[in-house]
Amino acid sequence: MSILLTGGTGKLGKAIISSGGLPGLVAPKRDEMDITKPESVKSFLSEHEFDAIVHCAALARMGECEADPGNAFRTNVMGTGNLVMGVLGTEARFVHISTDGVYPGTRGNYSETDETRPYNVYGWTKLGAESAVKLLTNHCVIRTSFFDPSDIRFEDSATDKYSSQITIHQIVEAIVKMVHNDFVGTVNIGGERRSDFDVYKEHKHSLKACTFEDVLRQSPAPLARDSSMDCRLWEGMK
């Protein structure tokens, strides 16, 4: 099985490669295929045929997205659109990594059929990318939030900010599964609803507690108080 991986130099892409869970991966560097340039994508795809695409490439730093929405749109929306156009009309499996940030982020426990109303530029661009992916007949959009337990750089975390975060190792396992699954549509992949402090404290014992308002004051982008998801659809697939 030949699989195209975008974003192979990013944290998630590297984790997918190192897991060994997807033999046959091709992970072009940007000088080999730049998703923001239609001709670059077209040229690369004309030389390779893939059974599946795992699309991880994105501008994910929320502060950068807020500072330069045009670049965020170009990378996250147009870049995804260029890939979609490259495989449109084929049966290639397209697994797209999206975010819990497409939901409003106020009440939590969002299901796949709930209203989408992003609260920052990053979320809006990822929602736009989802729209492009849904043009494909064999697509899977994964809405998720994950973290690397070995790379928690902050010193405090909010006890009243909630999500359904999972570890990077767990999302890699889920992606591998969804590449081989025949499910078509959108799926929330996450864990139970927990505060950020409770999640991170397990892996960084020196972490100090703070409030959502404390985190928000330091953030370069709007944040969600409760972006937790209803993941029962995913639980039924395990």
C-alpha atoms as a PDB file:
ATOM      1  CA  MET A   1       0.000   0.000   0.000  1.00  0.00           C
ATOM      2  CA  SER A   2       1.480   3.325  -1.079  1.00  0.00           C
ATOM      3  CA  ILE A   3       0.650   6.209   1.269  1.00  0.00           C
ATOM      4  CA  LEU A   4       1.388   9.914   0.891  1.00  0.00           C
ATOM      5  CA  LEU A   5       2.079  11.699   4.166  1.00  0.00           C
ATOM      6  CA  THR A   6       2.058  15.490   4.232  1.00  0.00           C
ATOM      7  CA  GLY A   7       3.673  17.331   7.110  1.00  0.00           C
ATOM      8  CA  GLY A   8       6.255  14.621   7.615  1.00  0.00           C
ATOM      9  CA  THR A   9       8.705  17.028   9.251  1.00  0.00           C
ATOM     10  CA  GLY A  10       6.179  18.162  11.868  1.00  0.00           C
ATOM     11  CA  LYS A  11       5.650  16.615  15.288  1.00  0.00           C
ATOM     12  CA  LEU A  12       2.693  14.454  14.257  1.00  0.00           C
ATOM     13  CA  GLY A  13       4.224  13.478  10.932  1.00  0.00           C
ATOM     14  CA  LYS A  14       7.452  12.383  12.602  1.00  0.00           C
ATOM     15  CA  ALA A  15       5.484  10.348  15.138  1.00  0.00           C
ATOM     16  CA  ILE A  16       3.571   8.584  12.350  1.00  0.00           C
ATOM     17  CA  ILE A  17       6.794   7.745  10.531  1.00  0.00           C
ATOM     18  CA  SER A  18       8.607   6.511  13.649  1.00  0.00           C
ATOM     19  CA  SER A  19       5.640   4.362  14.697  1.00  0.00           C
ATOM     20  CA  GLY A  20       6.147   2.080  11.711  1.00  0.00           C
ATOM     21  CA  GLY A  21       2.398   1.571  11.586  1.00  0.00           C
ATOM     22  CA  LEU A  22       2.078   2.597   7.946  1.00  0.00           C
ATOM     23  CA  PRO A  23       4.614   0.798   5.751  1.00  0.00           C
ATOM     24  CA  GLY A  24       4.938   2.285   2.285  1.00  0.00           C
ATOM     25  CA  LEU A  25       4.902   5.899   3.456  1.00  0.00           C
ATOM     26  CA  VAL A  26       6.160   8.586   1.116  1.00  0.00           C
ATOM     27  CA  ALA A  27       6.769  11.869   2.953  1.00  0.00           C
ATOM     28  CA  PRO A  28       8.013  14.535   0.533  1.00  0.00           C
ATOM     29  CA  LYS A  29       9.830  17.574   1.869  1.00  0.00           C
ATOM     30  CA  ARG A  30       8.564  21.011   0.937  1.00  0.00           C
ATOM     31  CA  ASP A  31      11.060  21.414  -1.910  1.00  0.00           C
ATOM     32  CA  GLU A  32       9.671  18.202  -3.411  1.00  0.00           C
ATOM     33  CA  MET A  33       5.993  19.117  -2.996  1.00  0.00           C
ATOM     34  CA  ASP A  34       4.751  22.472  -1.733  1.00  0.00           C
ATOM     35  CA  ILE A  35       1.029  22.124  -1.025  1.00  0.00           C
ATOM     36  CA  THR A  36       0.505  25.883  -1.348  1.00  0.00           C
ATOM     37  CA  LYS A  37       1.557  25.716  -5.016  1.00  0.00           C
ATOM     38  CA  PRO A  38      -0.913  23.921  -7.328  1.00  0.00           C
ATOM     39  CA  GLU A  39       1.715  23.122  -9.952  1.00  0.00           C
ATOM     40  CA  SER A  40       4.034  21.601  -7.356  1.00  0.00           C
ATOM     41  CA  VAL A  41       1.266  19.305  -6.115  1.00  0.00           C
ATOM     42  CA  LYS A  42       0.194  18.426  -9.646  1.00  0.00           C
ATOM     43  CA  SER A  43       3.761  17.639 -10.694  1.00  0.00           C
ATOM     44  CA  PHE A  44       4.452  15.420  -7.686  1.00  0.00           C
ATOM     45  CA  LEU A  45       1.189  13.512  -7.977  1.00  0.00           C
ATOM     46  CA  SER A  46       1.752  12.970 -11.706  1.00  0.00           C
ATOM     47  CA  GLU A  47       4.908  11.036 -10.835  1.00  0.00           C
ATOM     48  CA  HIS A  48       3.415   8.959  -8.006  1.00  0.00           C
ATOM     49  CA  GLU A  49       0.238   6.984  -7.467  1.00  0.00           C
ATOM     50  CA  PHE A  50      -1.080   6.593  -3.935  1.00  0.00           C
ATOM     51  CA  ASP A  51      -3.647   4.334  -2.324  1.00  0.00           C
ATOM     52  CA  ALA A  52      -4.056   6.744   0.575  1.00  0.00           C
ATOM     53  CA  ILE A  53      -3.170  10.252   1.692  1.00  0.00           C
ATOM     54  CA  VAL A  54      -2.655  11.227   5.331  1.00  0.00           C
ATOM     55  CA  HIS A  55      -2.835  15.006   5.437  1.00  0.00           C
ATOM     56  CA  CYS A  56      -1.094  16.423   8.521  1.00  0.00           C
ATOM     57  CA  ALA A  57       0.527  19.515   6.993  1.00  0.00           C
ATOM     58  CA  ALA A  58      -0.894  22.731   8.418  1.00  0.00           C
ATOM     59  CA  LEU A  59      -0.028  26.040   9.970  1.00  0.00           C
ATOM     60  CA  ALA A  60      -1.059  25.120  13.500  1.00  0.00           C
ATOM     61  CA  ARG A  61       0.527  27.853  15.620  1.00  0.00           C
ATOM     62  CA  MET A  62      -2.529  29.850  16.574  1.00  0.00           C
ATOM     63  CA  GLY A  63      -0.614  33.057  17.196  1.00  0.00           C
ATOM     64  CA  GLU A  64       0.856  32.958  13.694  1.00  0.00           C
ATOM     65  CA  CYS A  65      -2.591  32.337  12.236  1.00  0.00           C
ATOM     66  CA  GLU A  66      -3.969  35.394  14.036  1.00  0.00           C
ATOM     67  CA  ALA A  67      -1.008  37.538  12.963  1.00  0.00           C
ATOM     68  CA  ASP A  68      -1.204  36.503   9.306  1.00  0.00           C
ATOM     69  CA  PRO A  69      -4.649  35.125   8.388  1.00  0.00           C
ATOM     70  CA  GLY A  70      -3.746  35.208   4.699  1.00  0.00           C
ATOM     71  CA  ASN A  71      -0.870  32.801   5.192  1.00  0.00           C
ATOM     72  CA  ALA A  72      -3.055  30.587   7.384  1.00  0.00           C
ATOM     73  CA  PHE A  73      -5.707  30.497   4.654  1.00  0.00           C
ATOM     74  CA  ARG A  74      -3.122  29.830   1.957  1.00  0.00           C
ATOM     75  CA  THR A  75      -1.585  26.924   3.860  1.00  0.00           C
ATOM     76  CA  ASN A  76      -4.559  25.325   5.570  1.00  0.00           C
ATOM     77  CA  VAL A  77      -7.385  25.925   3.108  1.00  0.00           C
ATOM     78  CA  MET A  78      -5.777  26.379  -0.291  1.00  0.00           C
ATOM     79  CA  GLY A  79      -3.051  23.839   0.448  1.00  0.00           C
ATOM     80  CA  THR A  80      -5.664  21.239   1.311  1.00  0.00           C
ATOM     81  CA  GLY A  81      -7.683  22.224  -1.746  1.00  0.00           C
ATOM     82  CA  ASN A  82      -4.669  21.678  -3.984  1.00  0.00           C
ATOM     83  CA  LEU A  83      -4.257  18.152  -2.622  1.00  0.00           C
ATOM     84  CA  VAL A  84      -7.959  17.448  -3.051  1.00  0.00           C
ATOM     85  CA  MET A  85      -7.864  18.593  -6.662  1.00  0.00           C
ATOM     86  CA  GLY A  86      -4.871  16.338  -7.224  1.00  0.00           C
ATOM     87  CA  VAL A  87      -6.756  13.188  -6.239  1.00  0.00           C
ATOM     88  CA  LEU A  88     -10.302  14.207  -7.175  1.00  0.00           C
ATOM     89  CA  GLY A  89     -11.976  11.475  -9.182  1.00  0.00           C
ATOM     90  CA  THR A  90      -9.796   8.710  -7.743  1.00  0.00           C
ATOM     91  CA  GLU A  91     -10.601   6.184  -5.024  1.00  0.00           C
ATOM     92  CA  ALA A  92      -7.577   7.117  -2.927  1.00  0.00           C
ATOM     93  CA  ARG A  93      -8.305   7.115   0.798  1.00  0.00           C
ATOM     94  CA  PHE A  94      -7.914  10.654   2.193  1.00  0.00           C
ATOM     95  CA  VAL A  95      -7.451  10.969   5.962  1.00  0.00           C
ATOM     96  CA  HIS A  96      -7.483  14.605   7.030  1.00  0.00           C
ATOM     97  CA  ILE A  97      -6.364  15.743  10.472  1.00  0.00           C
ATOM     98  CA  SER A  98      -8.613  18.531  11.726  1.00  0.00           C
ATOM     99  CA  THR A  99      -9.235  19.987  15.169  1.00  0.00           C
ATOM    100  CA  ASP A 100     -11.740  20.311  17.994  1.00  0.00           C
ATOM    101  CA  GLY A 101     -11.333  24.033  17.321  1.00  0.00           C
ATOM    102  CA  VAL A 102     -14.036  23.931  14.644  1.00  0.00           C
ATOM    103  CA  TYR A 103     -16.640  23.755  17.444  1.00  0.00           C
ATOM    104  CA  PRO A 104     -17.726  26.872  19.392  1.00  0.00           C
ATOM    105  CA  GLY A 105     -15.765  25.758  22.458  1.00  0.00           C
ATOM    106  CA  THR A 106     -18.234  26.995  25.066  1.00  0.00           C
ATOM    107  CA  ARG A 107     -20.419  24.144  26.365  1.00  0.00           C
ATOM    108  CA  GLY A 108     -18.332  21.086  25.418  1.00  0.00           C
ATOM    109  CA  ASN A 109     -19.416  17.508  24.663  1.00  0.00           C
ATOM    110  CA  TYR A 110     -19.693  18.293  20.949  1.00  0.00           C
ATOM    111  CA  SER A 111     -20.784  15.542  18.584  1.00  0.00           C
ATOM    112  CA  GLU A 112     -19.926  15.321  14.902  1.00  0.00           C
ATOM    113  CA  THR A 113     -23.370  16.665  13.981  1.00  0.00           C
ATOM    114  CA  ASP A 114     -23.237  19.709  16.260  1.00  0.00           C
ATOM    115  CA  GLU A 115     -22.862  23.239  14.964  1.00  0.00           C
ATOM    116  CA  THR A 116     -19.398  24.293  13.842  1.00  0.00           C
ATOM    117  CA  ARG A 117     -18.453  27.846  14.774  1.00  0.00           C
ATOM    118  CA  PRO A 118     -14.719  28.321  15.264  1.00  0.00           C
ATOM    119  CA  TYR A 119     -13.447  30.876  17.771  1.00  0.00           C
ATOM    120  CA  ASN A 120     -10.140  31.784  16.102  1.00  0.00           C
ATOM    121  CA  VAL A 121      -8.447  32.019  12.697  1.00  0.00           C
ATOM    122  CA  TYR A 122      -6.846  28.589  12.968  1.00  0.00           C
ATOM    123  CA  GLY A 123     -10.219  26.944  13.569  1.00  0.00           C
ATOM    124  CA  TRP A 124     -11.836  28.758  10.650  1.00  0.00           C
ATOM    125  CA  THR A 125      -9.093  27.683   8.255  1.00  0.00           C
ATOM    126  CA  LYS A 126      -9.329  24.073   9.402  1.00  0.00           C
ATOM    127  CA  LEU A 127     -13.085  24.154   8.882  1.00  0.00           C
ATOM    128  CA  GLY A 128     -12.488  25.478   5.382  1.00  0.00           C
ATOM    129  CA  ALA A 129     -10.071  22.634   4.754  1.00  0.00           C
ATOM    130  CA  GLU A 130     -12.700  20.128   5.890  1.00  0.00           C
ATOM    131  CA  SER A 131     -15.106  21.502   3.279  1.00  0.00           C
ATOM    132  CA  ALA A 132     -12.584  20.817   0.533  1.00  0.00           C
ATOM    133  CA  VAL A 133     -11.891  17.282   1.751  1.00  0.00           C
ATOM    134  CA  LYS A 134     -15.591  16.429   1.755  1.00  0.00           C
ATOM    135  CA  LEU A 135     -15.599  16.691  -2.049  1.00  0.00           C
ATOM    136  CA  LEU A 136     -13.811  13.336  -2.098  1.00  0.00           C
ATOM    137  CA  THR A 137     -15.772  10.103  -2.078  1.00  0.00           C
ATOM    138  CA  ASN A 138     -13.344   8.216   0.179  1.00  0.00           C
ATOM    139  CA  HIS A 139     -12.521  10.695   2.917  1.00  0.00           C
ATOM    140  CA  CYS A 140     -12.182  10.648   6.692  1.00  0.00           C
ATOM    141  CA  VAL A 141     -11.999  13.893   8.652  1.00  0.00           C
ATOM    142  CA  ILE A 142     -10.544  13.408  12.129  1.00  0.00           C
ATOM    143  CA  ARG A 143     -11.385  16.109  14.665  1.00  0.00           C
ATOM    144  CA  THR A 144      -9.013  15.816  17.569  1.00  0.00           C
ATOM    145  CA  SER A 145      -6.746  17.460  20.122  1.00  0.00           C
ATOM    146  CA  PHE A 146      -3.492  15.814  21.137  1.00  0.00           C
ATOM    147  CA  PHE A 147      -0.294  16.560  23.048  1.00  0.00           C
ATOM    148  CA  ASP A 148       3.187  15.125  23.486  1.00  0.00           C
ATOM    149  CA  PRO A 149       3.703  14.002  27.107  1.00  0.00           C
ATOM    150  CA  SER A 150       7.480  14.359  26.695  1.00  0.00           C
ATOM    151  CA  ASP A 151       7.266  17.976  25.520  1.00  0.00           C
ATOM    152  CA  ILE A 152       5.155  19.976  27.987  1.00  0.00           C
ATOM    153  CA  ARG A 153       6.960  23.309  28.032  1.00  0.00           C
ATOM    154  CA  PHE A 154       4.609  25.509  30.065  1.00  0.00           C
ATOM    155  CA  GLU A 155       4.785  25.809  33.853  1.00  0.00           C
ATOM    156  CA  ASP A 156       1.090  26.215  34.697  1.00  0.00           C
ATOM    157  CA  SER A 157      -2.245  25.022  33.326  1.00  0.00           C
ATOM    158  CA  ALA A 158      -5.924  25.801  33.854  1.00  0.00           C
ATOM    159  CA  THR A 159      -8.119  23.789  36.178  1.00  0.00           C
ATOM    160  CA  ASP A 160     -11.265  25.171  34.505  1.00  0.00           C
ATOM    161  CA  LYS A 161     -10.399  24.700  30.818  1.00  0.00           C
ATOM    162  CA  TYR A 162     -11.665  21.403  29.410  1.00  0.00           C
ATOM    163  CA  SER A 163     -11.032  19.220  26.377  1.00  0.00           C
ATOM    164  CA  SER A 164     -10.848  15.603  25.235  1.00  0.00           C
ATOM    165  CA  GLN A 165      -7.114  15.544  24.614  1.00  0.00           C
ATOM    166  CA  ILE A 166      -5.210  12.351  23.941  1.00  0.00           C
ATOM    167  CA  THR A 167      -1.497  11.678  23.616  1.00  0.00           C
ATOM    168  CA  ILE A 168       0.321  11.887  20.314  1.00  0.00           C
ATOM    169  CA  HIS A 169       0.881   8.127  20.461  1.00  0.00           C
ATOM    170  CA  GLN A 170      -2.869   7.522  20.760  1.00  0.00           C
ATOM    171  CA  ILE A 171      -3.733   9.733  17.791  1.00  0.00           C
ATOM    172  CA  VAL A 172      -1.074   8.014  15.679  1.00  0.00           C
ATOM    173  CA  GLU A 173      -2.676   4.647  16.445  1.00  0.00           C
ATOM    174  CA  ALA A 174      -6.078   6.070  15.515  1.00  0.00           C
ATOM    175  CA  ILE A 175      -4.803   7.493  12.225  1.00  0.00           C
ATOM    176  CA  VAL A 176      -3.309   4.147  11.260  1.00  0.00           C
ATOM    177  CA  LYS A 177      -6.644   2.501  11.989  1.00  0.00           C
ATOM    178  CA  MET A 178      -8.620   5.029   9.955  1.00  0.00           C
ATOM    179  CA  VAL A 179      -6.349   4.639   6.931  1.00  0.00           C
ATOM    180  CA  HIS A 180      -7.445   1.003   6.739  1.00  0.00           C
ATOM    181  CA  ASN A 181     -11.046   1.614   7.843  1.00  0.00           C
ATOM    182  CA  ASP A 182     -13.796   2.071   5.247  1.00  0.00           C
ATOM    183  CA  PHE A 183     -15.617   4.741   7.286  1.00  0.00           C
ATOM    184  CA  VAL A 184     -16.481   7.834   5.248  1.00  0.00           C
ATOM    185  CA  GLY A 185     -17.269  11.095   7.015  1.00  0.00           C
ATOM    186  CA  THR A 186     -16.222  12.994  10.128  1.00  0.00           C
ATOM    187  CA  VAL A 187     -15.220  11.436  13.430  1.00  0.00           C
ATOM    188  CA  ASN A 188     -14.255  12.926  16.801  1.00  0.00           C
ATOM    189  CA  ILE A 189     -11.217  11.137  18.194  1.00  0.00           C
ATOM    190  CA  GLY A 190     -10.351  11.928  21.789  1.00  0.00           C
ATOM    191  CA  GLY A 191     -10.550  10.834  25.385  1.00  0.00           C
ATOM    192  CA  GLU A 192     -12.757  11.699  28.320  1.00  0.00           C
ATOM    193  CA  ARG A 193     -13.566  15.298  29.266  1.00  0.00           C
ATOM    194  CA  ARG A 194     -10.841  16.512  31.614  1.00  0.00           C
ATOM    195  CA  SER A 195      -9.292  19.800  32.637  1.00  0.00           C
ATOM    196  CA  ASP A 196      -5.994  20.725  31.017  1.00  0.00           C
ATOM    197  CA  PHE A 197      -4.363  20.764  34.443  1.00  0.00           C
ATOM    198  CA  ASP A 198      -5.463  17.207  35.232  1.00  0.00           C
ATOM    199  CA  VAL A 199      -4.245  15.952  31.843  1.00  0.00           C
ATOM    200  CA  TYR A 200      -0.808  17.555  31.937  1.00  0.00           C
ATOM    201  CA  LYS A 201      -0.165  17.082  35.672  1.00  0.00           C
ATOM    202  CA  GLU A 202       0.052  13.322  35.116  1.00  0.00           C
ATOM    203  CA  HIS A 203       3.091  13.867  32.917  1.00  0.00           C
ATOM    204  CA  LYS A 204       4.650  16.972  34.500  1.00  0.00           C
ATOM    205  CA  HIS A 205       4.433  16.802  38.272  1.00  0.00           C
ATOM    206  CA  SER A 206       5.859  20.306  38.792  1.00  0.00           C
ATOM    207  CA  LEU A 207       2.935  21.886  36.937  1.00  0.00           C
ATOM    208  CA  LYS A 208       1.136  24.677  38.791  1.00  0.00           C
ATOM    209  CA  ALA A 209      -2.609  25.349  38.698  1.00  0.00           C
ATOM    210  CA  CYS A 210      -4.097  28.488  37.192  1.00  0.00           C
ATOM    211  CA  THR A 211      -7.418  29.634  35.710  1.00  0.00           C
ATOM    212  CA  PHE A 212      -8.750  29.859  32.165  1.00  0.00           C
ATOM    213  CA  GLU A 213      -8.639  33.652  32.437  1.00  0.00           C
ATOM    214  CA  ASP A 214      -4.935  33.461  33.319  1.00  0.00           C
ATOM    215  CA  VAL A 215      -4.232  31.378  30.220  1.00  0.00           C
ATOM    216  CA  LEU A 216      -6.390  33.594  28.023  1.00  0.00           C
ATOM    217  CA  ARG A 217      -4.503  36.732  29.079  1.00  0.00           C
ATOM    218  CA  GLN A 218      -1.233  35.182  27.916  1.00  0.00           C
ATOM    219  CA  SER A 219      -2.575  33.688  24.680  1.00  0.00           C
ATOM    220  CA  PRO A 220      -1.976  35.313  21.269  1.00  0.00           C
ATOM    221  CA  ALA A 221      -5.298  33.870  20.046  1.00  0.00           C
ATOM    222  CA  PRO A 222      -8.842  33.328  21.353  1.00  0.00           C
ATOM    223  CA  LEU A 223      -9.228  30.009  23.195  1.00  0.00           C
ATOM    224  CA  ALA A 224     -12.028  27.619  24.114  1.00  0.00           C
ATOM    225  CA  ARG A 225     -13.167  27.180  27.691  1.00  0.00           C
ATOM    226  CA  ASP A 226     -14.660  23.760  26.923  1.00  0.00           C
ATOM    227  CA  SER A 227     -13.861  22.040  23.622  1.00  0.00           C
ATOM    228  CA  SER A 228     -14.545  18.513  24.873  1.00  0.00           C
ATOM    229  CA  MET A 229     -16.098  16.126  22.374  1.00  0.00           C
ATOM    230  CA  ASP A 230     -18.584  13.290  22.312  1.00  0.00           C
ATOM    231  CA  CYS A 231     -16.403  10.466  20.972  1.00  0.00           C
ATOM    232  CA  ARG A 232     -18.914   7.611  21.055  1.00  0.00           C
ATOM    233  CA  LEU A 233     -18.707   7.112  17.287  1.00  0.00           C
ATOM    234  CA  TRP A 234     -14.969   6.532  17.585  1.00  0.00           C
ATOM    235  CA  GLU A 235     -15.372   4.298  20.635  1.00  0.00           C
ATOM    236  CA  GLY A 236     -17.636   2.073  18.556  1.00  0.00           C
ATOM    237  CA  MET A 237     -14.937   1.685  15.905  1.00  0.00           C
ATOM    238  CA  LYS A 238     -12.151   0.539  18.224  1.00  0.00           C
END
